[in-house]
Amino acid sequence: MTPRPGGPETGPGRLGSAVVIGTGLIGTSIALALCEQGVTVWLTDHDPAAARLAAELGAGRVLPEPLGAVERGGDAPEAAAPGQRPQAQEGPWADLAVLAVPPAAVASSLAAAQARRLARWYTDVASVKALPLRQASELGCDLACFVPGHPLSGRERSGPAAARADLFLGRPWVICPGPLTRPEAIAAVADLVRCCRGELVQADADEHDHWVALVSHAPHVVAAAMAAQLTDAPGGALGLAGQGLRDVTRIAAGDAGLWTQILAANAAPVARVLADVAADLAAVAEALAETGAPPHPGEHPSVKLLAGLLEEGSAGVARIPGKRGTPVRDNAVVQVVIPDRPGELARLFQVAGESGVNIEDIVIEHSPGLPVGVAELTVRPDAVARLTQALAAAGWPVRR
C-alpha cells in the first residue's frame, strides 16, 4: 500500500476520553495535547511515580489502579470524583486507549487492556509495527478495534518532565490499519492525531518498518557509531568540535535501552540499510588507503569514488522534505555574530520580524572559550539584503 496523507473525516469532539498507558515522553506529550483539546485523560504506568508526575504536569488524572489489576478499585485515592469518571463497570472505560510503551510491550499491554475492556478502541505509538502486530495476533487480541500508530517525533530527553503538548505539531503520524480494522477505530485514532496537531499518513505495516529503518533507525546506529569514537578521543581533539560533529551525533544521546528494543524489533530492515551504508564506508576507506599521499592526491583515480559518494550524499540531502513536507527550497544563510548573554537571541528575532523577514531555520555555532557565537539564519534569497541591512543598522556584525 502506498502511504497517503489524511484519513477519514473527523469532527471536533468525536474523542471524549482516553487512557494513556505509559507516561514517558511520548505518552505524556499525547496526554497534554489531548487535555488542551478538552479530552478527559486517564494515566497509568508501571511506575506509579511517573504517572503521578505526569498528572501533576496537567496531563490528566491517574487511573485508580495499575493496568494489570483485576479489580477497578474505585476507593483508591486517585479515583475520580462523582460525575468525572466514565460509567465503565459494564462497558469500556474510555473511548480510546493509547499504548505508549516500547515495541516489545505492545502486544501484552494490548491484551491486558482489552481483557479489562479499558477502551472501545486502541492504538499504540511504537516505532515498529509488523512484529507487535504478529505478537498481538498470537495472543488472541481483537485487532478489529486496534489501529497501529507511530508519531514520528521525539526528543533526546526522556520521561514525563520532558513532555510537550506541541511535540507532534506538523509531524507525520503513521497509522497502519489492517483489513479487519473497523472504520470507527480508524476515525477515533484520526481524531487523536488531529488533537495532537499531527499530519495523518496511512501505510502498510511492513512498508512502514522498511521506511523507518531508512529514515530513523539506521541513522541512529550510524550516529551512535560515530559518537562511540569519541569516548577515548583526546581532549584537545574534542576542543575543536564544531556544529558538524554535534549534528552528526545529536540523536546518539537517546535512551540506549529503548533504542535496543526498537532496533531488535525491526532487525532485518535495519540490517539491510546498515549493510549498504557499511559497504559505502568500506569502499571509501579502501579508496583513501590506496590514495596515500602522492604529490597530487586529487588526481588519484580512487578520489573519483570519494567524490561520487559525497555528491550522492548532497543529492540525498536535497531530497529530504522541508517544512510541512514541502520540497526544500533554495534558501540563503545570513551569519550573525551574537553575544552569549540573556536577551540577545530575542533581540535578533525582533529585528528580523520588524524588517518583515521570516527565519526559516537557525543554527547557533558556539565559539569555545569566547563569550560569543555565530547564529546562522536561513531565509529566502530575496530577503537577504533586507535582513542584512536591518541587522547592520541595529549594530549586529553580519556576514554572508
Protein backbone atom coordinates (compact mmCIF):
# COMPACT_ATOMS: atom_id res chain seq x y z
CA MET A 1 0.00 0.00 0.00
CA THR A 2 1.34 3.41 -0.89
CA PRO A 3 1.15 5.80 2.07
CA ARG A 4 -1.34 8.57 1.67
CA PRO A 5 -1.87 11.69 3.75
CA GLY A 6 -5.15 12.13 5.53
CA GLY A 7 -7.80 9.65 6.51
CA PRO A 8 -11.45 9.53 7.49
CA GLU A 9 -13.29 12.77 8.06
CA THR A 10 -13.36 13.63 11.74
CA GLY A 11 -15.04 16.43 13.56
CA PRO A 12 -14.13 18.21 16.78
CA GLY A 13 -15.38 16.46 19.89
CA ARG A 14 -15.55 12.92 18.47
CA LEU A 15 -12.95 11.78 21.03
CA GLY A 16 -14.28 12.42 24.52
CA SER A 17 -11.99 10.36 26.77
CA ALA A 18 -8.74 8.47 26.55
CA VAL A 19 -6.47 6.31 28.68
CA VAL A 20 -2.75 6.76 28.14
CA ILE A 21 -0.78 3.67 29.13
CA GLY A 22 2.83 4.67 29.65
CA THR A 23 3.68 8.18 30.81
CA GLY A 24 7.10 8.72 29.31
CA LEU A 25 7.95 11.49 26.86
CA ILE A 26 5.54 10.38 24.11
CA GLY A 27 2.65 9.26 26.31
CA THR A 28 2.70 12.38 28.47
CA SER A 29 3.03 14.64 25.42
CA ILE A 30 -0.04 12.98 23.90
CA ALA A 31 -1.92 13.37 27.18
CA LEU A 32 -1.02 17.07 27.41
CA ALA A 33 -2.19 17.65 23.84
CA LEU A 34 -5.48 15.85 24.49
CA CYS A 35 -6.11 17.83 27.67
CA GLU A 36 -5.63 21.06 25.72
CA GLN A 37 -8.42 19.89 23.40
CA GLY A 38 -10.80 19.20 26.28
CA VAL A 39 -10.48 15.40 26.20
CA THR A 40 -10.76 13.62 29.56
CA VAL A 41 -7.46 11.79 30.05
CA TRP A 42 -6.57 8.97 32.41
CA LEU A 43 -2.96 7.98 33.06
CA THR A 44 -1.33 4.72 34.06
CA ASP A 45 2.25 3.47 34.10
CA HIS A 46 4.14 0.51 35.53
CA ASP A 47 5.98 3.17 37.55
CA PRO A 48 3.29 4.91 39.63
CA ALA A 49 5.63 7.83 40.31
CA ALA A 50 5.86 8.56 36.57
CA ALA A 51 2.07 8.58 36.27
CA ARG A 52 1.74 10.90 39.26
CA LEU A 53 4.35 13.28 37.83
CA ALA A 54 2.51 13.37 34.51
CA ALA A 55 -0.72 14.17 36.37
CA GLU A 56 1.00 16.95 38.31
CA LEU A 57 2.14 18.41 34.98
CA GLY A 58 -1.50 18.70 33.92
CA ALA A 59 -1.61 15.66 31.64
CA GLY A 60 -4.74 14.13 33.20
CA ARG A 61 -5.76 12.05 36.21
CA VAL A 62 -4.10 8.87 37.42
CA LEU A 63 -6.17 5.78 36.70
CA PRO A 64 -7.44 4.37 40.02
CA GLU A 65 -5.35 1.20 39.66
CA PRO A 66 -2.39 -0.10 37.63
CA LEU A 67 -3.08 -1.69 34.28
CA GLY A 68 -2.69 -5.26 35.46
CA ALA A 69 -5.09 -5.05 38.41
CA VAL A 70 -8.03 -7.43 38.49
CA GLU A 71 -10.39 -5.06 40.28
CA ARG A 72 -11.01 -1.42 39.36
CA GLY A 73 -10.78 -0.34 42.99
CA GLY A 74 -12.81 2.87 42.92
CA ASP A 75 -11.89 3.67 46.53
CA ALA A 76 -8.26 4.43 45.64
CA PRO A 77 -7.12 7.98 46.46
CA GLU A 78 -6.66 8.75 42.77
CA ALA A 79 -10.19 7.69 41.84
CA ALA A 80 -12.30 10.21 40.00
CA ALA A 81 -14.90 12.28 41.75
CA PRO A 82 -18.59 11.55 41.04
CA GLY A 83 -19.56 12.81 37.61
CA GLN A 84 -15.97 12.80 36.34
CA ARG A 85 -15.49 9.08 36.00
CA PRO A 86 -16.94 7.25 32.96
CA GLN A 87 -19.56 4.63 33.77
CA ALA A 88 -17.33 1.73 32.84
CA GLN A 89 -18.23 -1.15 35.18
CA GLU A 90 -20.14 -2.92 32.40
CA GLY A 91 -18.56 -1.21 29.40
CA PRO A 92 -15.37 0.38 28.15
CA TRP A 93 -13.71 2.84 30.49
CA ALA A 94 -12.78 5.33 27.74
CA ASP A 95 -13.20 5.95 24.04
CA LEU A 96 -9.55 5.28 23.20
CA ALA A 97 -6.55 3.67 24.87
CA VAL A 98 -3.10 4.82 23.74
CA LEU A 99 -0.37 2.27 24.36
CA ALA A 100 2.72 4.45 24.80
CA VAL A 101 5.03 1.54 25.54
CA PRO A 102 8.14 0.06 23.85
CA PRO A 103 7.62 -2.31 20.89
CA ALA A 104 8.21 -5.44 22.99
CA ALA A 105 5.41 -4.47 25.39
CA VAL A 106 2.72 -3.51 22.85
CA ALA A 107 1.10 -6.93 22.42
CA SER A 108 0.96 -7.81 26.12
CA SER A 109 -0.29 -4.32 27.03
CA LEU A 110 -3.00 -4.55 24.37
CA ALA A 111 -4.09 -7.99 25.60
CA ALA A 112 -4.25 -6.79 29.22
CA ALA A 113 -6.15 -3.62 28.31
CA GLN A 114 -8.67 -5.47 26.17
CA ALA A 115 -9.19 -8.10 28.86
CA ARG A 116 -10.29 -5.29 31.17
CA ARG A 117 -12.33 -3.53 28.46
CA LEU A 118 -10.30 -0.42 29.12
CA ALA A 119 -11.48 1.32 25.93
CA ARG A 120 -13.59 0.96 22.82
CA TRP A 121 -10.64 1.49 20.50
CA TYR A 122 -6.90 1.04 20.85
CA THR A 123 -3.72 2.36 19.27
CA ASP A 124 -0.01 2.35 20.02
CA VAL A 125 2.91 4.68 19.30
CA ALA A 126 5.79 2.21 18.90
CA SER A 127 8.19 2.85 16.04
CA VAL A 128 7.91 -0.76 14.81
CA LYS A 129 4.63 -2.14 13.52
CA ALA A 130 4.86 -5.63 11.97
CA LEU A 131 6.31 -7.56 14.94
CA PRO A 132 3.90 -6.19 17.60
CA LEU A 133 1.00 -6.93 15.24
CA ARG A 134 2.08 -10.56 14.85
CA GLN A 135 2.56 -10.90 18.60
CA ALA A 136 -0.86 -9.38 19.31
CA SER A 137 -2.47 -11.83 16.89
CA GLU A 138 -0.72 -14.74 18.60
CA LEU A 139 -2.07 -13.55 21.97
CA GLY A 140 -5.60 -13.54 20.58
CA CYS A 141 -6.09 -9.76 20.72
CA ASP A 142 -9.07 -8.21 18.94
CA LEU A 143 -7.34 -6.49 16.03
CA ALA A 144 -10.58 -5.06 14.64
CA CYS A 145 -10.53 -2.32 17.28
CA PHE A 146 -6.75 -1.79 17.20
CA VAL A 147 -5.05 0.72 14.89
CA PRO A 148 -1.23 0.51 14.95
CA GLY A 149 0.22 4.03 15.03
CA HIS A 150 3.56 5.79 15.05
CA PRO A 151 4.06 9.53 15.57
CA LEU A 152 7.44 10.43 14.08
CA SER A 153 8.53 12.91 16.68
CA GLY A 154 10.63 12.90 19.80
CA ARG A 155 13.45 14.48 21.76
CA GLU A 156 16.84 13.43 23.07
CA ARG A 157 15.42 13.74 26.59
CA SER A 158 13.02 11.18 28.04
CA GLY A 159 10.45 10.91 30.80
CA PRO A 160 7.30 12.89 31.58
CA ALA A 161 9.23 16.01 32.62
CA ALA A 162 10.46 16.36 29.02
CA ALA A 163 6.94 16.18 27.56
CA ARG A 164 5.46 18.97 25.44
CA ALA A 165 1.91 19.41 24.19
CA ASP A 166 3.22 20.63 20.82
CA LEU A 167 5.65 17.75 20.30
CA PHE A 168 3.68 16.41 17.34
CA LEU A 169 2.80 19.72 15.70
CA GLY A 170 3.11 19.28 11.94
CA ARG A 171 4.88 15.93 12.30
CA PRO A 172 3.88 12.78 10.34
CA TRP A 173 1.78 10.32 12.32
CA VAL A 174 1.56 6.98 10.55
CA ILE A 175 -1.36 4.62 11.09
CA CYS A 176 -1.37 1.06 9.76
CA PRO A 177 -4.91 -0.33 9.81
CA GLY A 178 -5.37 -3.88 8.60
CA PRO A 179 -8.13 -5.45 6.51
CA LEU A 180 -10.16 -6.25 9.65
CA THR A 181 -9.83 -2.82 11.29
CA ARG A 182 -13.19 -1.19 11.92
CA PRO A 183 -13.75 2.25 10.38
CA GLU A 184 -14.83 3.62 13.76
CA ALA A 185 -11.44 2.68 15.22
CA ILE A 186 -9.64 4.46 12.40
CA ALA A 187 -11.84 7.53 12.92
CA ALA A 188 -11.04 7.61 16.65
CA VAL A 189 -7.28 7.43 16.05
CA ALA A 190 -7.53 10.03 13.29
CA ASP A 191 -9.17 12.31 15.83
CA LEU A 192 -6.31 11.61 18.25
CA VAL A 193 -3.87 12.78 15.56
CA ARG A 194 -5.97 15.88 14.96
CA CYS A 195 -5.99 16.70 18.67
CA CYS A 196 -2.19 16.39 18.72
CA ARG A 197 -1.97 18.51 15.54
CA GLY A 198 -0.03 15.84 13.68
CA GLU A 199 -0.18 15.03 9.95
CA LEU A 200 -2.02 11.76 9.35
CA VAL A 201 -0.37 9.25 6.98
CA GLN A 202 -1.69 5.77 6.23
CA ALA A 203 0.66 2.92 5.24
CA ASP A 204 1.10 -0.83 5.32
CA ALA A 205 2.86 -2.14 8.44
CA ASP A 206 5.71 -3.86 6.57
CA GLU A 207 6.33 -0.84 4.35
CA HIS A 208 6.32 1.39 7.42
CA ASP A 209 9.03 -0.72 9.04
CA HIS A 210 11.23 -0.61 5.94
CA TRP A 211 10.86 3.14 5.63
CA VAL A 212 11.59 3.94 9.28
CA ALA A 213 14.62 1.67 9.09
CA LEU A 214 15.99 4.04 6.44
CA VAL A 215 14.94 7.41 7.86
CA SER A 216 15.12 6.78 11.62
CA HIS A 217 16.52 3.50 12.92
CA ALA A 218 19.68 3.07 10.83
CA PRO A 219 20.62 6.78 11.21
CA HIS A 220 20.53 6.31 14.98
CA VAL A 221 23.02 3.43 14.76
CA VAL A 222 25.28 5.44 12.44
CA ALA A 223 25.20 8.39 14.85
CA ALA A 224 25.95 6.09 17.79
CA ALA A 225 28.89 4.52 15.94
CA MET A 226 30.39 7.94 15.26
CA ALA A 227 29.76 9.11 18.82
CA ALA A 228 31.38 5.94 20.18
CA GLN A 229 34.63 7.02 18.51
CA LEU A 230 34.68 9.99 20.89
CA THR A 231 34.80 8.01 24.12
CA ASP A 232 38.59 7.74 24.05
CA ALA A 233 39.29 10.83 21.96
CA PRO A 234 41.95 13.26 23.25
CA GLY A 235 40.63 16.34 24.98
CA GLY A 236 42.44 18.53 22.51
CA ALA A 237 40.57 16.96 19.60
CA LEU A 238 37.20 17.36 21.33
CA GLY A 239 38.05 21.02 21.96
CA LEU A 240 38.00 21.51 18.19
CA ALA A 241 34.49 20.03 17.82
CA GLY A 242 32.04 22.22 15.97
CA GLN A 243 28.44 22.10 14.87
CA GLY A 244 29.11 19.41 12.28
CA LEU A 245 30.06 16.83 14.88
CA ARG A 246 27.14 17.88 17.08
CA ASP A 247 24.73 17.49 14.15
CA VAL A 248 26.01 14.03 13.28
CA THR A 249 25.95 12.70 16.86
CA ARG A 250 22.94 14.52 18.35
CA ILE A 251 20.48 11.64 18.19
CA ALA A 252 23.01 9.23 19.72
CA ALA A 253 22.11 10.71 23.12
CA GLY A 254 18.77 8.86 23.09
CA ASP A 255 17.74 6.21 25.63
CA ALA A 256 20.01 3.22 24.92
CA GLY A 257 17.61 0.71 26.47
CA LEU A 258 14.65 1.87 24.40
CA TRP A 259 16.67 2.01 21.20
CA THR A 260 17.96 -1.51 21.78
CA GLN A 261 14.35 -2.71 21.86
CA ILE A 262 13.42 -0.71 18.77
CA LEU A 263 16.34 -1.98 16.72
CA ALA A 264 15.84 -5.58 17.81
CA ALA A 265 12.15 -5.40 16.86
CA ASN A 266 12.98 -4.10 13.37
CA ALA A 267 16.20 -6.04 12.96
CA ALA A 268 16.03 -7.25 9.35
CA PRO A 269 15.13 -3.94 7.64
CA VAL A 270 17.71 -2.05 9.74
CA ALA A 271 20.37 -4.63 9.00
CA ARG A 272 19.85 -4.20 5.24
CA VAL A 273 20.25 -0.42 5.42
CA LEU A 274 23.32 -0.67 7.64
CA ALA A 275 24.89 -3.22 5.29
CA ASP A 276 24.52 -0.76 2.40
CA VAL A 277 25.98 2.09 4.47
CA ALA A 278 28.83 -0.13 5.65
CA ALA A 279 29.63 -1.11 2.06
CA ASP A 280 29.86 2.54 1.04
CA LEU A 281 32.09 3.36 4.00
CA ALA A 282 34.33 0.35 3.39
CA ALA A 283 34.74 1.30 -0.27
CA VAL A 284 35.67 4.88 0.63
CA ALA A 285 38.10 3.71 3.33
CA GLU A 286 39.80 1.40 0.84
CA ALA A 287 39.97 4.16 -1.76
CA LEU A 288 41.52 6.59 0.72
CA ALA A 289 44.06 4.00 1.81
CA GLU A 290 45.04 3.45 -1.83
CA THR A 291 45.34 7.17 -2.41
CA GLY A 292 48.06 7.51 0.21
CA ALA A 293 49.95 10.79 -0.04
CA PRO A 294 51.03 11.31 -3.68
CA PRO A 295 52.24 14.71 -4.88
CA HIS A 296 48.79 15.44 -6.31
CA PRO A 297 46.27 13.32 -4.37
CA GLY A 298 43.33 14.93 -6.12
CA GLU A 299 44.41 13.29 -9.37
CA HIS A 300 44.39 9.74 -7.95
CA PRO A 301 41.70 7.52 -9.57
CA SER A 302 40.36 6.46 -6.17
CA VAL A 303 39.43 10.05 -5.42
CA LYS A 304 36.64 9.75 -8.01
CA LEU A 305 34.92 7.17 -5.81
CA LEU A 306 35.09 9.51 -2.83
CA ALA A 307 33.78 12.43 -4.85
CA GLY A 308 30.94 10.26 -6.16
CA LEU A 309 29.76 9.34 -2.67
CA LEU A 310 29.96 12.96 -1.50
CA GLU A 311 27.92 14.10 -4.50
CA GLU A 312 25.32 11.37 -3.90
CA GLY A 313 25.14 12.45 -0.27
CA SER A 314 24.48 16.04 -1.28
CA ALA A 315 21.76 14.89 -3.67
CA GLY A 316 20.20 12.77 -0.93
CA VAL A 317 20.06 15.69 1.50
CA ALA A 318 18.31 17.76 -1.15
CA ARG A 319 15.51 15.17 -1.27
CA ILE A 320 14.65 15.48 2.43
CA PRO A 321 11.35 17.40 2.60
CA GLY A 322 11.32 20.87 4.07
CA LYS A 323 8.74 22.49 6.32
CA ARG A 324 5.28 20.91 6.29
CA GLY A 325 6.51 18.17 3.96
CA THR A 326 7.08 20.53 1.04
CA PRO A 327 10.14 20.26 -1.22
CA VAL A 328 13.23 22.01 0.09
CA ARG A 329 13.52 25.47 -1.37
CA ASP A 330 16.72 27.26 -2.36
CA ASN A 331 17.36 29.26 0.78
CA ALA A 332 20.23 31.52 1.78
CA VAL A 333 22.17 31.77 5.04
CA VAL A 334 22.99 35.00 6.86
CA GLN A 335 25.61 34.69 9.60
CA VAL A 336 25.40 36.99 12.63
CA VAL A 337 27.88 37.26 15.50
CA ILE A 338 25.81 37.08 18.68
CA PRO A 339 26.97 37.74 22.26
CA ASP A 340 26.40 34.95 24.76
CA ARG A 341 24.15 36.81 27.18
CA PRO A 342 20.42 36.86 28.02
CA GLY A 343 18.07 38.60 25.61
CA GLU A 344 20.35 38.72 22.57
CA LEU A 345 18.55 36.00 20.63
CA ALA A 346 15.18 37.62 21.31
CA ARG A 347 16.55 40.95 20.09
CA LEU A 348 17.83 39.28 16.94
CA PHE A 349 14.42 37.80 16.18
CA GLN A 350 12.76 41.13 16.89
CA VAL A 351 14.91 42.90 14.30
CA ALA A 352 14.13 40.18 11.76
CA GLY A 353 10.42 40.44 12.48
CA GLU A 354 10.35 44.21 12.26
CA SER A 355 12.05 44.01 8.87
CA GLY A 356 9.38 41.61 7.61
CA VAL A 357 11.74 38.65 7.22
CA ASN A 358 10.68 35.11 8.15
CA ILE A 359 13.50 32.99 9.61
CA GLU A 360 13.13 29.53 8.06
CA ASP A 361 15.70 27.91 10.36
CA ILE A 362 18.50 28.80 12.77
CA VAL A 363 21.72 27.12 13.86
CA ILE A 364 23.95 28.54 16.60
CA GLU A 365 27.67 27.81 16.40
CA HIS A 366 29.32 28.41 19.75
CA SER A 367 32.86 29.73 19.97
CA PRO A 368 34.81 27.65 22.54
CA GLY A 369 36.23 29.80 25.29
CA LEU A 370 34.70 33.00 23.96
CA PRO A 371 31.55 34.87 25.09
CA VAL A 372 30.17 34.95 21.53
CA GLY A 373 28.75 32.64 18.92
CA VAL A 374 27.57 32.74 15.33
CA ALA A 375 23.87 32.45 14.53
CA GLU A 376 23.24 31.11 11.03
CA LEU A 377 19.84 32.39 9.89
CA THR A 378 18.22 30.58 6.97
CA VAL A 379 15.98 32.90 4.95
CA ARG A 380 14.60 33.24 1.45
CA PRO A 381 17.15 34.66 -1.04
CA ASP A 382 15.04 37.72 -1.76
CA ALA A 383 15.11 38.61 1.96
CA VAL A 384 18.90 38.55 2.41
CA ALA A 385 19.58 42.18 1.56
CA ARG A 386 16.68 43.45 3.67
CA LEU A 387 17.69 41.38 6.69
CA THR A 388 21.38 42.24 6.36
CA GLN A 389 20.64 45.96 6.24
CA ALA A 390 18.28 45.78 9.22
CA LEU A 391 20.75 43.81 11.34
CA ALA A 392 23.67 46.08 10.44
CA ALA A 393 21.60 49.15 11.30
CA ALA A 394 20.85 47.59 14.71
CA GLY A 395 24.55 47.07 15.38
CA TRP A 396 24.85 43.37 14.60
CA PRO A 397 28.10 42.16 12.94
CA VAL A 398 26.79 40.38 9.82
CA ARG A 399 28.42 38.31 7.12
CA ARG A 400 27.02 36.33 4.22
